[in-house]
Amino acid sequence: MDWFIYHLVDDVFTHYWYGVQSKIFGYIRSKKCEAIVTSVVFWARDISFTNVLLYLDGDDIAFAMSCNHPPKV
């Protein structure tokens, strides 16, 4: 039961969140592009908060340190 709830909250929520955001911003569905964007969203969820630095000067920019090559940002 815990496994089902975990996947329902984690994976299914992300899937539907992506669908809602796509509709809001007028994204035209392309299966190939959608697969790429979906995989990037799942990879981005795995980035630790300690590896992310938000740029606080008004722009919506975040710097993420590479997990494989730590000096790279």
N, C-alpha and C. Protein backbone atom coordinates (compact mmCIF):
# COMPACT_ATOMS: atom_id res chain seq x y z
N MET A 1 0.82 -1.18 0.00
CA MET A 1 0.00 0.00 0.00
C MET A 1 0.87 1.26 0.00
N ASP A 2 1.96 1.25 0.78
CA ASP A 2 2.86 2.40 0.81
C ASP A 2 3.48 2.67 -0.55
N TRP A 3 3.82 1.58 -1.28
CA TRP A 3 4.41 1.72 -2.60
C TRP A 3 3.42 2.42 -3.54
N PHE A 4 2.17 2.01 -3.49
CA PHE A 4 1.15 2.60 -4.36
C PHE A 4 0.96 4.09 -4.05
N ILE A 5 0.88 4.44 -2.79
CA ILE A 5 0.71 5.84 -2.41
C ILE A 5 1.92 6.66 -2.82
N TYR A 6 3.12 6.11 -2.63
CA TYR A 6 4.34 6.82 -3.03
C TYR A 6 4.30 7.14 -4.51
N HIS A 7 4.00 6.16 -5.35
CA HIS A 7 3.99 6.39 -6.80
C HIS A 7 2.83 7.28 -7.22
N LEU A 8 1.72 7.18 -6.53
CA LEU A 8 0.59 8.04 -6.85
C LEU A 8 0.94 9.49 -6.58
N VAL A 9 1.56 9.76 -5.46
CA VAL A 9 1.92 11.13 -5.08
C VAL A 9 3.10 11.63 -5.90
N ASP A 10 4.08 10.80 -6.13
CA ASP A 10 5.33 11.24 -6.76
C ASP A 10 5.23 11.25 -8.29
N ASP A 11 5.14 10.11 -8.91
CA ASP A 11 5.19 10.01 -10.37
C ASP A 11 3.91 10.50 -11.04
N VAL A 12 2.76 10.08 -10.54
CA VAL A 12 1.50 10.45 -11.17
C VAL A 12 1.24 11.95 -11.04
N PHE A 13 1.53 12.51 -9.87
CA PHE A 13 1.36 13.95 -9.68
C PHE A 13 2.22 14.74 -10.66
N THR A 14 3.48 14.33 -10.83
CA THR A 14 4.36 15.02 -11.78
C THR A 14 3.82 14.91 -13.20
N HIS A 15 3.29 13.76 -13.56
CA HIS A 15 2.73 13.58 -14.91
C HIS A 15 1.56 14.53 -15.15
N TYR A 16 0.63 14.61 -14.22
CA TYR A 16 -0.52 15.49 -14.40
C TYR A 16 -0.16 16.96 -14.27
N TRP A 17 0.81 17.28 -13.42
CA TRP A 17 1.29 18.66 -13.30
C TRP A 17 1.86 19.12 -14.64
N TYR A 18 2.64 18.27 -15.29
CA TYR A 18 3.21 18.60 -16.59
C TYR A 18 2.11 18.82 -17.63
N GLY A 19 1.07 17.97 -17.61
CA GLY A 19 -0.04 18.13 -18.54
C GLY A 19 -0.77 19.44 -18.36
N VAL A 20 -1.00 19.83 -17.11
CA VAL A 20 -1.69 21.08 -16.82
C VAL A 20 -0.85 22.27 -17.26
N GLN A 21 0.45 22.24 -16.96
CA GLN A 21 1.34 23.33 -17.37
C GLN A 21 1.41 23.44 -18.89
N SER A 22 1.41 22.32 -19.58
CA SER A 22 1.43 22.33 -21.05
C SER A 22 0.20 23.03 -21.61
N LYS A 23 -0.96 22.74 -21.04
CA LYS A 23 -2.19 23.38 -21.52
C LYS A 23 -2.20 24.87 -21.21
N ILE A 24 -1.73 25.25 -20.04
CA ILE A 24 -1.72 26.66 -19.65
C ILE A 24 -0.87 27.49 -20.61
N PHE A 25 0.30 26.97 -20.99
CA PHE A 25 1.22 27.73 -21.83
C PHE A 25 1.05 27.43 -23.32
N GLY A 26 0.01 26.68 -23.70
CA GLY A 26 -0.29 26.46 -25.11
C GLY A 26 0.69 25.56 -25.82
N TYR A 27 1.26 24.61 -25.13
CA TYR A 27 2.23 23.68 -25.72
C TYR A 27 1.53 22.73 -26.67
N ILE A 28 2.03 22.61 -27.88
CA ILE A 28 1.47 21.69 -28.87
C ILE A 28 2.17 20.35 -28.70
N ARG A 29 1.37 19.31 -28.53
CA ARG A 29 1.91 17.99 -28.21
C ARG A 29 2.68 17.39 -29.37
N SER A 30 3.89 16.97 -29.06
CA SER A 30 4.74 16.20 -29.96
C SER A 30 5.32 15.09 -29.10
N LYS A 31 5.09 13.85 -29.48
CA LYS A 31 5.50 12.72 -28.64
C LYS A 31 7.00 12.72 -28.39
N LYS A 32 7.80 13.04 -29.39
CA LYS A 32 9.25 13.03 -29.24
C LYS A 32 9.69 14.15 -28.29
N CYS A 33 9.21 15.35 -28.50
CA CYS A 33 9.55 16.48 -27.63
C CYS A 33 9.02 16.27 -26.23
N GLU A 34 7.84 15.71 -26.13
CA GLU A 34 7.24 15.48 -24.83
C GLU A 34 8.05 14.47 -24.02
N ALA A 35 8.57 13.45 -24.67
CA ALA A 35 9.41 12.46 -23.99
C ALA A 35 10.68 13.10 -23.46
N ILE A 36 11.28 14.00 -24.23
CA ILE A 36 12.50 14.69 -23.81
C ILE A 36 12.21 15.57 -22.61
N VAL A 37 11.16 16.36 -22.67
CA VAL A 37 10.82 17.27 -21.58
C VAL A 37 10.47 16.49 -20.32
N THR A 38 9.72 15.41 -20.47
CA THR A 38 9.35 14.60 -19.31
C THR A 38 10.57 14.00 -18.64
N SER A 39 11.52 13.50 -19.42
CA SER A 39 12.73 12.93 -18.82
C SER A 39 13.54 14.00 -18.11
N VAL A 40 13.59 15.20 -18.66
CA VAL A 40 14.32 16.29 -18.01
C VAL A 40 13.66 16.68 -16.69
N VAL A 41 12.33 16.70 -16.66
CA VAL A 41 11.62 17.02 -15.42
C VAL A 41 11.93 15.98 -14.35
N PHE A 42 11.95 14.70 -14.72
CA PHE A 42 12.27 13.66 -13.75
C PHE A 42 13.72 13.75 -13.29
N TRP A 43 14.65 14.07 -14.18
CA TRP A 43 16.05 14.24 -13.78
C TRP A 43 16.20 15.44 -12.85
N ALA A 44 15.48 16.51 -13.13
CA ALA A 44 15.60 17.72 -12.31
C ALA A 44 15.08 17.48 -10.90
N ARG A 45 14.10 16.60 -10.74
CA ARG A 45 13.60 16.30 -9.40
C ARG A 45 14.66 15.65 -8.53
N ASP A 46 15.63 14.96 -9.15
CA ASP A 46 16.66 14.25 -8.39
C ASP A 46 17.81 15.15 -7.96
N ILE A 47 17.83 16.41 -8.38
CA ILE A 47 18.90 17.33 -7.99
C ILE A 47 18.71 17.73 -6.53
N SER A 48 19.76 17.58 -5.76
CA SER A 48 19.70 17.94 -4.34
C SER A 48 19.63 19.45 -4.18
N PHE A 49 18.88 19.90 -3.16
CA PHE A 49 18.76 21.33 -2.91
C PHE A 49 20.10 21.97 -2.55
N THR A 50 21.04 21.18 -2.04
CA THR A 50 22.36 21.72 -1.69
C THR A 50 23.18 22.06 -2.93
N ASN A 51 22.78 21.52 -4.10
CA ASN A 51 23.50 21.79 -5.34
C ASN A 51 22.88 22.92 -6.15
N VAL A 52 21.87 23.60 -5.60
CA VAL A 52 21.17 24.66 -6.33
C VAL A 52 21.33 25.99 -5.61
N LEU A 53 21.65 27.02 -6.38
CA LEU A 53 21.77 28.38 -5.85
C LEU A 53 20.83 29.27 -6.65
N LEU A 54 19.88 29.92 -5.95
CA LEU A 54 18.93 30.80 -6.62
C LEU A 54 19.52 32.19 -6.78
N TYR A 55 19.31 32.80 -7.93
CA TYR A 55 19.76 34.15 -8.23
C TYR A 55 18.68 35.10 -7.75
N LEU A 56 18.94 35.90 -6.74
CA LEU A 56 17.92 36.68 -6.06
C LEU A 56 17.77 38.12 -6.55
N ASP A 57 18.31 38.48 -7.68
CA ASP A 57 18.23 39.85 -8.18
C ASP A 57 17.01 40.09 -9.07
N GLY A 58 15.93 39.35 -8.86
CA GLY A 58 14.70 39.60 -9.59
C GLY A 58 14.48 38.70 -10.79
N ASP A 59 15.54 38.10 -11.32
CA ASP A 59 15.37 37.19 -12.45
C ASP A 59 15.05 35.79 -11.94
N ASP A 60 14.34 35.02 -12.75
CA ASP A 60 14.02 33.64 -12.38
C ASP A 60 15.13 32.72 -12.87
N ILE A 61 16.29 32.82 -12.23
CA ILE A 61 17.46 32.05 -12.62
C ILE A 61 17.94 31.24 -11.42
N ALA A 62 18.34 30.01 -11.69
CA ALA A 62 18.92 29.16 -10.65
C ALA A 62 20.19 28.52 -11.24
N PHE A 63 21.22 28.45 -10.43
CA PHE A 63 22.46 27.80 -10.83
C PHE A 63 22.49 26.43 -10.17
N ALA A 64 22.78 25.39 -10.94
CA ALA A 64 22.84 24.03 -10.41
C ALA A 64 24.23 23.46 -10.64
N MET A 65 24.84 22.96 -9.57
CA MET A 65 26.16 22.36 -9.66
C MET A 65 26.01 20.94 -10.22
N SER A 66 26.90 20.57 -11.09
CA SER A 66 26.87 19.24 -11.70
C SER A 66 27.10 18.17 -10.65
N CYS A 67 26.31 17.10 -10.71
CA CYS A 67 26.50 15.97 -9.79
C CYS A 67 27.65 15.09 -10.23
N ASN A 68 27.90 15.00 -11.54
CA ASN A 68 28.95 14.15 -12.08
C ASN A 68 30.31 14.87 -12.11
N HIS A 69 30.31 16.18 -12.33
CA HIS A 69 31.52 16.99 -12.41
C HIS A 69 31.34 18.19 -11.49
N PRO A 70 31.58 18.03 -10.17
CA PRO A 70 31.23 19.07 -9.18
C PRO A 70 31.71 20.50 -9.45
N PRO A 71 32.86 20.75 -10.07
CA PRO A 71 33.20 22.17 -10.27
C PRO A 71 32.32 22.87 -11.31
N LYS A 72 31.67 22.12 -12.18
CA LYS A 72 30.86 22.73 -13.24
C LYS A 72 29.52 23.23 -12.69
N VAL A 73 29.12 24.42 -13.13
CA VAL A 73 27.83 24.99 -12.72
C VAL A 73 27.01 25.26 -13.97
